[in-house]
Amino acid sequence: MEIAGKNHVVRKHDFIFLPPGVEHAISNSGLVDLVFLVITSPVTDEERPV
């Protein structure tokens, strides 16, 4: 995984917290399928119309 221009190895059961605005990318360099979960929340508590 690339975070702010630096590469990091991510293994099974790892988790990563990325604050808003951090550039990132993920790719699979392994031999098995990559499965990942993305959880997001709004930056503020203000509700915005959809």
N, C-alpha and C. Protein backbone atom coordinates (compact mmCIF):
# COMPACT_ATOMS: atom_id res chain seq x y z
N MET A 1 0.85 -1.16 0.00
CA MET A 1 0.00 0.00 0.00
C MET A 1 0.89 1.22 0.00
N GLU A 2 0.51 2.19 -0.81
CA GLU A 2 1.24 3.45 -0.84
C GLU A 2 0.47 4.49 -0.05
N ILE A 3 1.13 5.09 0.94
CA ILE A 3 0.52 6.12 1.77
C ILE A 3 1.44 7.32 1.76
N ALA A 4 0.94 8.43 1.26
CA ALA A 4 1.71 9.69 1.20
C ALA A 4 3.07 9.48 0.53
N GLY A 5 3.08 8.68 -0.54
CA GLY A 5 4.31 8.48 -1.32
C GLY A 5 5.25 7.42 -0.79
N LYS A 6 4.91 6.75 0.32
CA LYS A 6 5.77 5.69 0.87
C LYS A 6 5.06 4.35 0.78
N ASN A 7 5.80 3.31 0.41
CA ASN A 7 5.22 1.97 0.31
C ASN A 7 5.25 1.25 1.65
N HIS A 8 4.18 0.51 1.92
CA HIS A 8 4.05 -0.26 3.16
C HIS A 8 3.51 -1.64 2.81
N VAL A 9 4.05 -2.67 3.45
CA VAL A 9 3.54 -4.03 3.27
C VAL A 9 2.33 -4.19 4.19
N VAL A 10 1.23 -4.67 3.63
CA VAL A 10 0.02 -4.92 4.41
C VAL A 10 -0.25 -6.41 4.36
N ARG A 11 -0.44 -7.00 5.54
CA ARG A 11 -0.68 -8.44 5.64
C ARG A 11 -2.07 -8.72 6.19
N LYS A 12 -2.46 -9.97 6.14
CA LYS A 12 -3.75 -10.40 6.66
C LYS A 12 -3.94 -9.89 8.08
N HIS A 13 -5.12 -9.36 8.35
CA HIS A 13 -5.54 -8.84 9.66
C HIS A 13 -4.95 -7.47 10.00
N ASP A 14 -4.16 -6.87 9.11
CA ASP A 14 -3.66 -5.50 9.35
C ASP A 14 -4.81 -4.52 9.16
N PHE A 15 -4.71 -3.39 9.80
CA PHE A 15 -5.65 -2.30 9.54
C PHE A 15 -4.87 -1.01 9.39
N ILE A 16 -5.46 -0.07 8.68
CA ILE A 16 -4.81 1.20 8.39
C ILE A 16 -5.81 2.31 8.61
N PHE A 17 -5.42 3.32 9.35
CA PHE A 17 -6.25 4.52 9.52
C PHE A 17 -5.65 5.62 8.67
N LEU A 18 -6.48 6.21 7.84
CA LEU A 18 -6.03 7.31 6.99
C LEU A 18 -6.89 8.53 7.28
N PRO A 19 -6.29 9.58 7.81
CA PRO A 19 -7.06 10.80 8.03
C PRO A 19 -7.46 11.42 6.70
N PRO A 20 -8.46 12.29 6.70
CA PRO A 20 -8.89 12.94 5.46
C PRO A 20 -7.72 13.67 4.78
N GLY A 21 -7.68 13.55 3.45
CA GLY A 21 -6.69 14.28 2.68
C GLY A 21 -5.38 13.57 2.44
N VAL A 22 -5.17 12.39 3.02
CA VAL A 22 -3.92 11.66 2.82
C VAL A 22 -4.01 10.88 1.51
N GLU A 23 -3.08 11.12 0.61
CA GLU A 23 -3.07 10.38 -0.65
C GLU A 23 -2.68 8.94 -0.39
N HIS A 24 -3.39 8.01 -1.05
CA HIS A 24 -3.12 6.59 -0.83
C HIS A 24 -3.55 5.78 -2.04
N ALA A 25 -2.99 4.58 -2.14
CA ALA A 25 -3.34 3.63 -3.19
C ALA A 25 -3.06 2.23 -2.67
N ILE A 26 -3.82 1.26 -3.15
CA ILE A 26 -3.59 -0.12 -2.74
C ILE A 26 -3.58 -1.00 -3.99
N SER A 27 -2.71 -1.98 -4.00
CA SER A 27 -2.66 -2.94 -5.09
C SER A 27 -2.28 -4.30 -4.52
N ASN A 28 -2.57 -5.33 -5.26
CA ASN A 28 -2.30 -6.69 -4.81
C ASN A 28 -1.03 -7.21 -5.47
N SER A 29 0.01 -7.41 -4.68
CA SER A 29 1.25 -7.99 -5.21
C SER A 29 1.41 -9.44 -4.78
N GLY A 30 0.38 -9.99 -4.13
CA GLY A 30 0.43 -11.37 -3.65
C GLY A 30 -0.10 -12.36 -4.67
N LEU A 31 -0.13 -13.61 -4.25
CA LEU A 31 -0.57 -14.70 -5.13
C LEU A 31 -2.04 -15.07 -4.93
N VAL A 32 -2.65 -14.56 -3.86
CA VAL A 32 -4.07 -14.86 -3.60
C VAL A 32 -4.87 -13.57 -3.73
N ASP A 33 -6.19 -13.70 -3.81
CA ASP A 33 -7.06 -12.55 -3.95
C ASP A 33 -6.90 -11.58 -2.78
N LEU A 34 -6.97 -10.31 -3.09
CA LEU A 34 -6.95 -9.26 -2.08
C LEU A 34 -8.39 -8.94 -1.70
N VAL A 35 -8.68 -8.98 -0.41
CA VAL A 35 -9.99 -8.61 0.10
C VAL A 35 -9.77 -7.50 1.12
N PHE A 36 -10.47 -6.37 0.94
CA PHE A 36 -10.30 -5.29 1.90
C PHE A 36 -11.64 -4.62 2.17
N LEU A 37 -11.75 -4.02 3.33
CA LEU A 37 -12.97 -3.37 3.78
C LEU A 37 -12.67 -1.90 3.97
N VAL A 38 -13.54 -1.05 3.45
CA VAL A 38 -13.39 0.39 3.59
C VAL A 38 -14.53 0.90 4.46
N ILE A 39 -14.18 1.63 5.51
CA ILE A 39 -15.19 2.23 6.39
C ILE A 39 -14.91 3.73 6.41
N THR A 40 -15.91 4.53 6.10
CA THR A 40 -15.74 5.98 6.09
C THR A 40 -16.79 6.63 6.97
N SER A 41 -16.50 7.84 7.35
CA SER A 41 -17.47 8.64 8.09
C SER A 41 -17.28 10.10 7.67
N PRO A 42 -18.31 10.93 7.83
CA PRO A 42 -18.15 12.33 7.44
C PRO A 42 -17.11 13.03 8.31
N VAL A 43 -16.51 14.07 7.75
CA VAL A 43 -15.50 14.83 8.48
C VAL A 43 -16.16 15.65 9.58
N THR A 44 -17.39 16.08 9.36
CA THR A 44 -18.12 16.85 10.37
C THR A 44 -19.40 16.14 10.74
N ASP A 45 -20.04 16.61 11.79
CA ASP A 45 -21.31 16.04 12.23
C ASP A 45 -22.49 16.68 11.51
N GLU A 46 -22.23 17.70 10.70
CA GLU A 46 -23.30 18.39 9.99
C GLU A 46 -23.91 17.48 8.92
N GLU A 47 -25.24 17.40 8.92
CA GLU A 47 -25.89 16.60 7.88
C GLU A 47 -26.01 17.43 6.62
N ARG A 48 -25.73 16.83 5.49
CA ARG A 48 -25.83 17.50 4.20
C ARG A 48 -26.91 16.81 3.38
N PRO A 49 -27.67 17.58 2.62
CA PRO A 49 -28.70 16.94 1.78
C PRO A 49 -28.05 16.07 0.70
N VAL A 50 -28.73 15.00 0.37
CA VAL A 50 -28.22 14.06 -0.64
C VAL A 50 -28.65 14.48 -2.01
